[in-house]
Amino acid sequence: MNLNQVTVPSRNVANAILFYEKLGLKLIVKSLPNYARFECPDGNSTFSIHLTEKLPKGDGVYVYFECQDLDEHVATLKEKGIQFEKEPTNERWLWREARLKDLDGNQLILFYGGENRLNPPWRIK
């Protein structure tokens, strides 16, 4: 199997489109007011948004986007007005991560994992 897409809920798909385009995703399907789909800048996976009346309670959805030039990418997004909850930080699981939330509270993690993305020292062989 190969991951095709991840879909997150939104109370306002039109506003969410603007947010995700600012992050650098390319809009490929626009079916307002219910749905939008994006191509990720790298790889073959896609990302979509669907309209919902209620957002999930609790921590909600976590979506990870890998960026080789994480610090530069975060700086560029901040210049565009994107606010981060956590600046790029080296984590104990050997990834460098920055965290932010989209307009609907979905947790987005921009990270760079390098070789440790798929092959951390603790990987089951």
Protein backbone atom coordinates (compact mmCIF):
# COMPACT_ATOMS: atom_id res chain seq x y z
CA MET A 1 0.00 0.00 0.00
CA ASN A 2 1.03 3.60 -0.56
CA LEU A 3 -0.46 6.59 1.27
CA ASN A 4 -2.54 8.61 -1.17
CA GLN A 5 -3.84 11.47 0.92
CA VAL A 6 -4.71 12.77 4.34
CA THR A 7 -7.95 14.71 4.82
CA VAL A 8 -8.58 17.16 7.66
CA PRO A 9 -11.86 18.72 8.77
CA SER A 10 -12.63 22.41 8.39
CA ARG A 11 -15.48 24.75 9.26
CA ASN A 12 -14.58 27.01 6.29
CA VAL A 13 -12.91 25.33 3.31
CA ALA A 14 -12.45 28.60 1.38
CA ASN A 15 -10.42 30.13 4.22
CA ALA A 16 -8.50 26.89 4.69
CA ILE A 17 -7.52 26.93 1.00
CA LEU A 18 -5.84 30.31 1.44
CA PHE A 19 -3.97 29.07 4.53
CA TYR A 20 -2.66 25.90 2.87
CA GLU A 21 -1.68 27.72 -0.31
CA LYS A 22 0.35 30.07 1.87
CA LEU A 23 2.08 26.98 3.31
CA GLY A 24 3.11 26.03 -0.23
CA LEU A 25 0.61 23.34 -1.23
CA LYS A 26 -0.77 23.45 -4.80
CA LEU A 27 -4.57 23.47 -5.14
CA ILE A 28 -5.73 20.81 -7.62
CA VAL A 29 -9.43 20.36 -6.72
CA LYS A 30 -11.73 23.14 -5.57
CA SER A 31 -15.28 22.03 -4.84
CA LEU A 32 -16.60 24.77 -2.59
CA PRO A 33 -18.02 24.88 -0.07
CA ASN A 34 -17.37 21.21 0.73
CA TYR A 35 -13.94 20.09 -0.39
CA ALA A 36 -10.47 21.00 -1.62
CA ARG A 37 -7.45 18.90 -2.50
CA PHE A 38 -3.78 19.83 -2.85
CA GLU A 39 -0.59 18.35 -4.23
CA CYS A 40 2.31 18.37 -1.84
CA PRO A 41 5.39 20.14 -3.26
CA ASP A 42 7.48 16.96 -2.99
CA GLY A 43 6.54 13.31 -3.39
CA ASN A 44 3.29 11.83 -4.66
CA SER A 45 0.90 12.27 -1.75
CA THR A 46 -1.97 14.74 -1.61
CA PHE A 47 -3.70 16.59 1.18
CA SER A 48 -7.37 17.52 1.35
CA ILE A 49 -9.87 19.45 3.41
CA HIS A 50 -13.52 18.62 3.90
CA LEU A 51 -16.30 20.72 5.34
CA THR A 52 -17.66 19.63 8.68
CA GLU A 53 -20.26 21.05 11.03
CA LYS A 54 -18.29 20.10 14.15
CA LEU A 55 -14.56 19.90 14.67
CA PRO A 56 -13.05 16.98 16.60
CA LYS A 57 -12.64 17.47 20.33
CA GLY A 58 -9.38 16.99 22.16
CA ASP A 59 -6.02 17.11 20.42
CA GLY A 60 -7.55 16.51 16.98
CA VAL A 61 -5.54 15.68 13.90
CA TYR A 62 -1.73 15.78 13.65
CA VAL A 63 -0.23 16.10 10.16
CA TYR A 64 3.50 15.96 9.47
CA PHE A 65 5.05 17.65 6.43
CA GLU A 66 8.75 17.00 5.83
CA CYS A 67 10.98 19.89 4.71
CA GLN A 68 14.69 19.45 3.99
CA ASP A 69 15.32 23.15 4.56
CA LEU A 70 13.12 23.38 7.66
CA ASP A 71 14.60 26.51 9.25
CA GLU A 72 14.55 28.47 5.99
CA HIS A 73 11.01 27.30 5.22
CA VAL A 74 9.77 28.34 8.66
CA ALA A 75 11.42 31.76 8.28
CA THR A 76 9.74 32.25 4.89
CA LEU A 77 6.33 31.27 6.27
CA LYS A 78 6.73 33.64 9.21
CA GLU A 79 7.42 36.45 6.73
CA LYS A 80 4.06 35.55 5.12
CA GLY A 81 2.31 35.95 8.48
CA ILE A 82 2.11 32.29 9.51
CA GLN A 83 2.39 31.98 13.29
CA PHE A 84 4.19 29.05 14.90
CA GLU A 85 3.52 27.60 18.34
CA LYS A 86 6.99 26.08 18.46
CA GLU A 87 10.12 27.18 16.61
CA PRO A 88 12.35 24.57 14.91
CA THR A 89 13.73 22.38 17.67
CA ASN A 90 15.91 19.26 17.74
CA GLU A 91 13.74 16.55 19.30
CA ARG A 92 14.84 13.49 21.26
CA TRP A 93 13.46 11.24 18.50
CA LEU A 94 16.16 12.70 16.21
CA TRP A 95 13.91 14.93 14.09
CA ARG A 96 13.96 18.71 13.90
CA GLU A 97 10.38 20.02 14.22
CA ALA A 98 8.36 23.23 14.18
CA ARG A 99 4.68 23.26 15.17
CA LEU A 100 1.69 25.36 14.20
CA LYS A 101 -2.07 25.01 13.92
CA ASP A 102 -4.25 25.63 10.92
CA LEU A 103 -7.35 27.83 11.11
CA ASP A 104 -9.41 24.91 12.43
CA GLY A 105 -6.96 23.86 15.13
CA ASN A 106 -5.46 20.88 13.30
CA GLN A 107 -1.89 20.40 14.51
CA LEU A 108 0.70 20.73 11.75
CA ILE A 109 4.28 19.66 12.27
CA LEU A 110 6.90 20.75 9.76
CA PHE A 111 9.95 18.58 10.27
CA TYR A 112 13.17 17.22 8.91
CA GLY A 113 13.95 13.63 9.83
CA GLY A 114 16.67 12.74 7.35
CA GLU A 115 17.77 9.13 7.63
CA ASN A 116 15.98 8.87 10.99
CA ARG A 117 12.59 9.45 9.32
CA LEU A 118 12.35 5.80 8.33
CA ASN A 119 15.42 4.30 9.98
CA PRO A 120 15.82 5.55 13.55
CA PRO A 121 18.29 3.62 15.73
CA TRP A 122 15.36 1.94 17.53
CA ARG A 123 13.64 0.70 14.35
CA ILE A 124 12.39 -2.88 14.56
CA LYS A 125 14.39 -5.01 12.14
